[in-house]
Amino acid sequence: MSLIAELRRRNVFRVAAAYVVVGWLLTEVLTAILPELGAPEWTSRAVKLVFTFGFIPAIVLS
């Protein structure tokens, strides 16, 4: 069995696509809401970093 077929069987591509879409949506929403709530400026950057660094573990666990 080839690598691509195994990745498809384990739905790795679906997990990656879902993670990117949900991460993008949450980042957009939180970036718009956090300044209105009076959160410090670094919180939007922290949200982006959490989603960025969480991508690889999500793929590995899938």
PDB file of N, CA and C in Angstrom:
ATOM      1  N   MET A   1       0.847  -1.171   0.000  1.00  0.00           N
ATOM      2  CA  MET A   1       0.000   0.000   0.000  1.00  0.00           C
ATOM      3  C   MET A   1       0.898   1.241   0.000  1.00  0.00           C
ATOM      4  N   SER A   2       0.533   2.200  -0.807  1.00  0.00           N
ATOM      5  CA  SER A   2       1.358   3.395  -0.902  1.00  0.00           C
ATOM      6  C   SER A   2       1.080   4.350   0.260  1.00  0.00           C
ATOM      7  N   LEU A   3       1.964   5.278   0.433  1.00  0.00           N
ATOM      8  CA  LEU A   3       1.831   6.242   1.526  1.00  0.00           C
ATOM      9  C   LEU A   3       0.583   7.100   1.363  1.00  0.00           C
ATOM     10  N   ILE A   4       0.333   7.560   0.145  1.00  0.00           N
ATOM     11  CA  ILE A   4      -0.838   8.409  -0.098  1.00  0.00           C
ATOM     12  C   ILE A   4      -2.126   7.641   0.189  1.00  0.00           C
ATOM     13  N   ALA A   5      -2.186   6.385  -0.202  1.00  0.00           N
ATOM     14  CA  ALA A   5      -3.379   5.571   0.059  1.00  0.00           C
ATOM     15  C   ALA A   5      -3.580   5.370   1.559  1.00  0.00           C
ATOM     16  N   GLU A   6      -2.505   5.166   2.288  1.00  0.00           N
ATOM     17  CA  GLU A   6      -2.612   4.989   3.743  1.00  0.00           C
ATOM     18  C   GLU A   6      -3.074   6.279   4.418  1.00  0.00           C
ATOM     19  N   LEU A   7      -2.565   7.413   3.964  1.00  0.00           N
ATOM     20  CA  LEU A   7      -2.990   8.690   4.527  1.00  0.00           C
ATOM     21  C   LEU A   7      -4.470   8.951   4.240  1.00  0.00           C
ATOM     22  N   ARG A   8      -4.910   8.575   3.053  1.00  0.00           N
ATOM     23  CA  ARG A   8      -6.341   8.716   2.726  1.00  0.00           C
ATOM     24  C   ARG A   8      -7.185   7.792   3.586  1.00  0.00           C
ATOM     25  N   ARG A   9      -6.724   6.573   3.802  1.00  0.00           N
ATOM     26  CA  ARG A   9      -7.474   5.618   4.608  1.00  0.00           C
ATOM     27  C   ARG A   9      -7.647   6.119   6.036  1.00  0.00           C
ATOM     28  N   ARG A  10      -6.633   6.785   6.544  1.00  0.00           N
ATOM     29  CA  ARG A  10      -6.675   7.306   7.913  1.00  0.00           C
ATOM     30  C   ARG A  10      -7.274   8.706   8.006  1.00  0.00           C
ATOM     31  N   ASN A  11      -7.758   9.237   6.904  1.00  0.00           N
ATOM     32  CA  ASN A  11      -8.411  10.557   6.849  1.00  0.00           C
ATOM     33  C   ASN A  11      -7.507  11.702   7.296  1.00  0.00           C
ATOM     34  N   VAL A  12      -6.231  11.594   7.030  1.00  0.00           N
ATOM     35  CA  VAL A  12      -5.290  12.642   7.432  1.00  0.00           C
ATOM     36  C   VAL A  12      -5.559  13.931   6.647  1.00  0.00           C
ATOM     37  N   PHE A  13      -5.899  13.796   5.384  1.00  0.00           N
ATOM     38  CA  PHE A  13      -6.155  14.989   4.576  1.00  0.00           C
ATOM     39  C   PHE A  13      -7.412  15.718   5.049  1.00  0.00           C
ATOM     40  N   ARG A  14      -8.421  14.972   5.476  1.00  0.00           N
ATOM     41  CA  ARG A  14      -9.630  15.605   6.004  1.00  0.00           C
ATOM     42  C   ARG A  14      -9.349  16.332   7.303  1.00  0.00           C
ATOM     43  N   VAL A  15      -8.566  15.719   8.157  1.00  0.00           N
ATOM     44  CA  VAL A  15      -8.217  16.358   9.430  1.00  0.00           C
ATOM     45  C   VAL A  15      -7.421  17.627   9.171  1.00  0.00           C
ATOM     46  N   ALA A  16      -6.481  17.585   8.244  1.00  0.00           N
ATOM     47  CA  ALA A  16      -5.674  18.770   7.926  1.00  0.00           C
ATOM     48  C   ALA A  16      -6.555  19.886   7.377  1.00  0.00           C
ATOM     49  N   ALA A  17      -7.452  19.550   6.469  1.00  0.00           N
ATOM     50  CA  ALA A  17      -8.331  20.567   5.894  1.00  0.00           C
ATOM     51  C   ALA A  17      -9.266  21.142   6.958  1.00  0.00           C
ATOM     52  N   ALA A  18      -9.827  20.287   7.792  1.00  0.00           N
ATOM     53  CA  ALA A  18     -10.723  20.761   8.853  1.00  0.00           C
ATOM     54  C   ALA A  18      -9.974  21.642   9.843  1.00  0.00           C
ATOM     55  N   TYR A  19      -8.746  21.265  10.197  1.00  0.00           N
ATOM     56  CA  TYR A  19      -7.954  22.049  11.143  1.00  0.00           C
ATOM     57  C   TYR A  19      -7.660  23.436  10.572  1.00  0.00           C
ATOM     58  N   VAL A  20      -7.311  23.490   9.309  1.00  0.00           N
ATOM     59  CA  VAL A  20      -7.001  24.783   8.687  1.00  0.00           C
ATOM     60  C   VAL A  20      -8.245  25.663   8.647  1.00  0.00           C
ATOM     61  N   VAL A  21      -9.380  25.096   8.265  1.00  0.00           N
ATOM     62  CA  VAL A  21     -10.612  25.884   8.165  1.00  0.00           C
ATOM     63  C   VAL A  21     -11.060  26.378   9.536  1.00  0.00           C
ATOM     64  N   VAL A  22     -11.118  25.486  10.513  1.00  0.00           N
ATOM     65  CA  VAL A  22     -11.555  25.876  11.856  1.00  0.00           C
ATOM     66  C   VAL A  22     -10.563  26.847  12.479  1.00  0.00           C
ATOM     67  N   GLY A  23      -9.274  26.595  12.298  1.00  0.00           N
ATOM     68  CA  GLY A  23      -8.264  27.513  12.821  1.00  0.00           C
ATOM     69  C   GLY A  23      -8.368  28.894  12.207  1.00  0.00           C
ATOM     70  N   TRP A  24      -8.610  28.945  10.911  1.00  0.00           N
ATOM     71  CA  TRP A  24      -8.742  30.235  10.237  1.00  0.00           C
ATOM     72  C   TRP A  24      -9.982  30.979  10.746  1.00  0.00           C
ATOM     73  N   LEU A  25     -11.097  30.270  10.844  1.00  0.00           N
ATOM     74  CA  LEU A  25     -12.325  30.915  11.321  1.00  0.00           C
ATOM     75  C   LEU A  25     -12.180  31.429  12.751  1.00  0.00           C
ATOM     76  N   LEU A  26     -11.645  30.610  13.633  1.00  0.00           N
ATOM     77  CA  LEU A  26     -11.473  31.042  15.017  1.00  0.00           C
ATOM     78  C   LEU A  26     -10.482  32.196  15.136  1.00  0.00           C
ATOM     79  N   THR A  27      -9.435  32.166  14.331  1.00  0.00           N
ATOM     80  CA  THR A  27      -8.462  33.254  14.346  1.00  0.00           C
ATOM     81  C   THR A  27      -9.106  34.555  13.902  1.00  0.00           C
ATOM     82  N   GLU A  28      -9.899  34.498  12.853  1.00  0.00           N
ATOM     83  CA  GLU A  28     -10.565  35.705  12.366  1.00  0.00           C
ATOM     84  C   GLU A  28     -11.544  36.253  13.408  1.00  0.00           C
ATOM     85  N   VAL A  29     -12.329  35.374  13.989  1.00  0.00           N
ATOM     86  CA  VAL A  29     -13.315  35.813  14.975  1.00  0.00           C
ATOM     87  C   VAL A  29     -12.626  36.372  16.216  1.00  0.00           C
ATOM     88  N   LEU A  30     -11.648  35.648  16.730  1.00  0.00           N
ATOM     89  CA  LEU A  30     -10.976  36.103  17.948  1.00  0.00           C
ATOM     90  C   LEU A  30     -10.162  37.369  17.719  1.00  0.00           C
ATOM     91  N   THR A  31      -9.578  37.522  16.538  1.00  0.00           N
ATOM     92  CA  THR A  31      -8.827  38.736  16.239  1.00  0.00           C
ATOM     93  C   THR A  31      -9.758  39.948  16.210  1.00  0.00           C
ATOM     94  N   ALA A  32     -10.987  39.734  15.806  1.00  0.00           N
ATOM     95  CA  ALA A  32     -11.945  40.843  15.785  1.00  0.00           C
ATOM     96  C   ALA A  32     -12.532  41.118  17.162  1.00  0.00           C
ATOM     97  N   ILE A  33     -12.728  40.084  17.957  1.00  0.00           N
ATOM     98  CA  ILE A  33     -13.408  40.241  19.249  1.00  0.00           C
ATOM     99  C   ILE A  33     -12.458  40.664  20.374  1.00  0.00           C
ATOM    100  N   LEU A  34     -11.249  40.143  20.394  1.00  0.00           N
ATOM    101  CA  LEU A  34     -10.344  40.381  21.521  1.00  0.00           C
ATOM    102  C   LEU A  34     -10.056  41.862  21.779  1.00  0.00           C
ATOM    103  N   PRO A  35      -9.783  42.678  20.757  1.00  0.00           N
ATOM    104  CA  PRO A  35      -9.557  44.107  21.064  1.00  0.00           C
ATOM    105  C   PRO A  35     -10.789  44.792  21.671  1.00  0.00           C
ATOM    106  N   GLU A  36     -11.974  44.353  21.268  1.00  0.00           N
ATOM    107  CA  GLU A  36     -13.197  44.941  21.819  1.00  0.00           C
ATOM    108  C   GLU A  36     -13.376  44.585  23.288  1.00  0.00           C
ATOM    109  N   LEU A  37     -12.843  43.438  23.691  1.00  0.00           N
ATOM    110  CA  LEU A  37     -12.954  43.005  25.078  1.00  0.00           C
ATOM    111  C   LEU A  37     -11.864  43.604  25.962  1.00  0.00           C
ATOM    112  N   GLY A  38     -10.958  44.335  25.356  1.00  0.00           N
ATOM    113  CA  GLY A  38      -9.897  44.975  26.123  1.00  0.00           C
ATOM    114  C   GLY A  38      -8.713  44.068  26.406  1.00  0.00           C
ATOM    115  N   ALA A  39      -8.579  43.005  25.640  1.00  0.00           N
ATOM    116  CA  ALA A  39      -7.458  42.083  25.822  1.00  0.00           C
ATOM    117  C   ALA A  39      -6.166  42.736  25.332  1.00  0.00           C
ATOM    118  N   PRO A  40      -5.030  42.358  25.909  1.00  0.00           N
ATOM    119  CA  PRO A  40      -3.759  42.922  25.447  1.00  0.00           C
ATOM    120  C   PRO A  40      -3.481  42.545  23.987  1.00  0.00           C
ATOM    121  N   GLU A  41      -2.605  43.295  23.361  1.00  0.00           N
ATOM    122  CA  GLU A  41      -2.307  43.074  21.942  1.00  0.00           C
ATOM    123  C   GLU A  41      -1.675  41.715  21.679  1.00  0.00           C
ATOM    124  N   TRP A  42      -0.950  41.184  22.650  1.00  0.00           N
ATOM    125  CA  TRP A  42      -0.245  39.927  22.422  1.00  0.00           C
ATOM    126  C   TRP A  42      -1.180  38.722  22.365  1.00  0.00           C
ATOM    127  N   THR A  43      -2.414  38.879  22.777  1.00  0.00           N
ATOM    128  CA  THR A  43      -3.325  37.727  22.790  1.00  0.00           C
ATOM    129  C   THR A  43      -3.681  37.257  21.384  1.00  0.00           C
ATOM    130  N   SER A  44      -3.832  38.165  20.436  1.00  0.00           N
ATOM    131  CA  SER A  44      -4.140  37.735  19.067  1.00  0.00           C
ATOM    132  C   SER A  44      -2.953  36.989  18.468  1.00  0.00           C
ATOM    133  N   ARG A  45      -1.759  37.432  18.783  1.00  0.00           N
ATOM    134  CA  ARG A  45      -0.571  36.723  18.307  1.00  0.00           C
ATOM    135  C   ARG A  45      -0.467  35.349  18.961  1.00  0.00           C
ATOM    136  N   ALA A  46      -0.818  35.259  20.233  1.00  0.00           N
ATOM    137  CA  ALA A  46      -0.782  33.983  20.940  1.00  0.00           C
ATOM    138  C   ALA A  46      -1.792  33.006  20.349  1.00  0.00           C
ATOM    139  N   VAL A  47      -2.965  33.490  19.981  1.00  0.00           N
ATOM    140  CA  VAL A  47      -3.974  32.625  19.357  1.00  0.00           C
ATOM    141  C   VAL A  47      -3.444  32.059  18.046  1.00  0.00           C
ATOM    142  N   LYS A  48      -2.829  32.899  17.239  1.00  0.00           N
ATOM    143  CA  LYS A  48      -2.269  32.444  15.961  1.00  0.00           C
ATOM    144  C   LYS A  48      -1.158  31.425  16.179  1.00  0.00           C
ATOM    145  N   LEU A  49      -0.310  31.655  17.166  1.00  0.00           N
ATOM    146  CA  LEU A  49       0.776  30.714  17.441  1.00  0.00           C
ATOM    147  C   LEU A  49       0.260  29.373  17.948  1.00  0.00           C
ATOM    148  N   VAL A  50      -0.779  29.387  18.763  1.00  0.00           N
ATOM    149  CA  VAL A  50      -1.357  28.139  19.264  1.00  0.00           C
ATOM    150  C   VAL A  50      -1.895  27.305  18.111  1.00  0.00           C
ATOM    151  N   PHE A  51      -2.612  27.933  17.200  1.00  0.00           N
ATOM    152  CA  PHE A  51      -3.128  27.194  16.052  1.00  0.00           C
ATOM    153  C   PHE A  51      -2.003  26.721  15.139  1.00  0.00           C
ATOM    154  N   THR A  52      -0.980  27.539  14.967  1.00  0.00           N
ATOM    155  CA  THR A  52       0.131  27.147  14.105  1.00  0.00           C
ATOM    156  C   THR A  52       0.894  25.966  14.682  1.00  0.00           C
ATOM    157  N   PHE A  53       1.226  26.027  15.962  1.00  0.00           N
ATOM    158  CA  PHE A  53       1.993  24.935  16.572  1.00  0.00           C
ATOM    159  C   PHE A  53       1.147  23.709  16.872  1.00  0.00           C
ATOM    160  N   GLY A  54      -0.148  23.844  16.869  1.00  0.00           N
ATOM    161  CA  GLY A  54      -1.020  22.706  17.092  1.00  0.00           C
ATOM    162  C   GLY A  54      -1.297  21.888  15.842  1.00  0.00           C
ATOM    163  N   PHE A  55      -0.911  22.399  14.683  1.00  0.00           N
ATOM    164  CA  PHE A  55      -1.193  21.710  13.420  1.00  0.00           C
ATOM    165  C   PHE A  55      -0.460  20.374  13.328  1.00  0.00           C
ATOM    166  N   ILE A  56       0.813  20.345  13.606  1.00  0.00           N
ATOM    167  CA  ILE A  56       1.607  19.116  13.484  1.00  0.00           C
ATOM    168  C   ILE A  56       1.116  18.037  14.441  1.00  0.00           C
ATOM    169  N   PRO A  57       0.879  18.326  15.736  1.00  0.00           N
ATOM    170  CA  PRO A  57       0.335  17.271  16.599  1.00  0.00           C
ATOM    171  C   PRO A  57      -1.027  16.760  16.137  1.00  0.00           C
ATOM    172  N   ALA A  58      -1.855  17.631  15.586  1.00  0.00           N
ATOM    173  CA  ALA A  58      -3.168  17.192  15.101  1.00  0.00           C
ATOM    174  C   ALA A  58      -3.009  16.224  13.935  1.00  0.00           C
ATOM    175  N   ILE A  59      -2.075  16.502  13.062  1.00  0.00           N
ATOM    176  CA  ILE A  59      -1.835  15.621  11.919  1.00  0.00           C
ATOM    177  C   ILE A  59      -1.243  14.291  12.377  1.00  0.00           C
ATOM    178  N   VAL A  60      -0.305  14.351  13.294  1.00  0.00           N
ATOM    179  CA  VAL A  60       0.327  13.122  13.783  1.00  0.00           C
ATOM    180  C   VAL A  60      -0.689  12.244  14.504  1.00  0.00           C
ATOM    181  N   LEU A  61      -1.564  12.829  15.293  1.00  0.00           N
ATOM    182  CA  LEU A  61      -2.556  12.047  16.026  1.00  0.00           C
ATOM    183  C   LEU A  61      -3.654  11.498  15.131  1.00  0.00           C
ATOM    184  N   SER A  62      -3.839  12.116  13.972  1.00  0.00           N
ATOM    185  CA  SER A  62      -4.880  11.586  13.085  1.00  0.00           C
ATOM    186  C   SER A  62      -4.371  10.365  12.374  1.00  0.00           C
TER     187      SER A  62
END
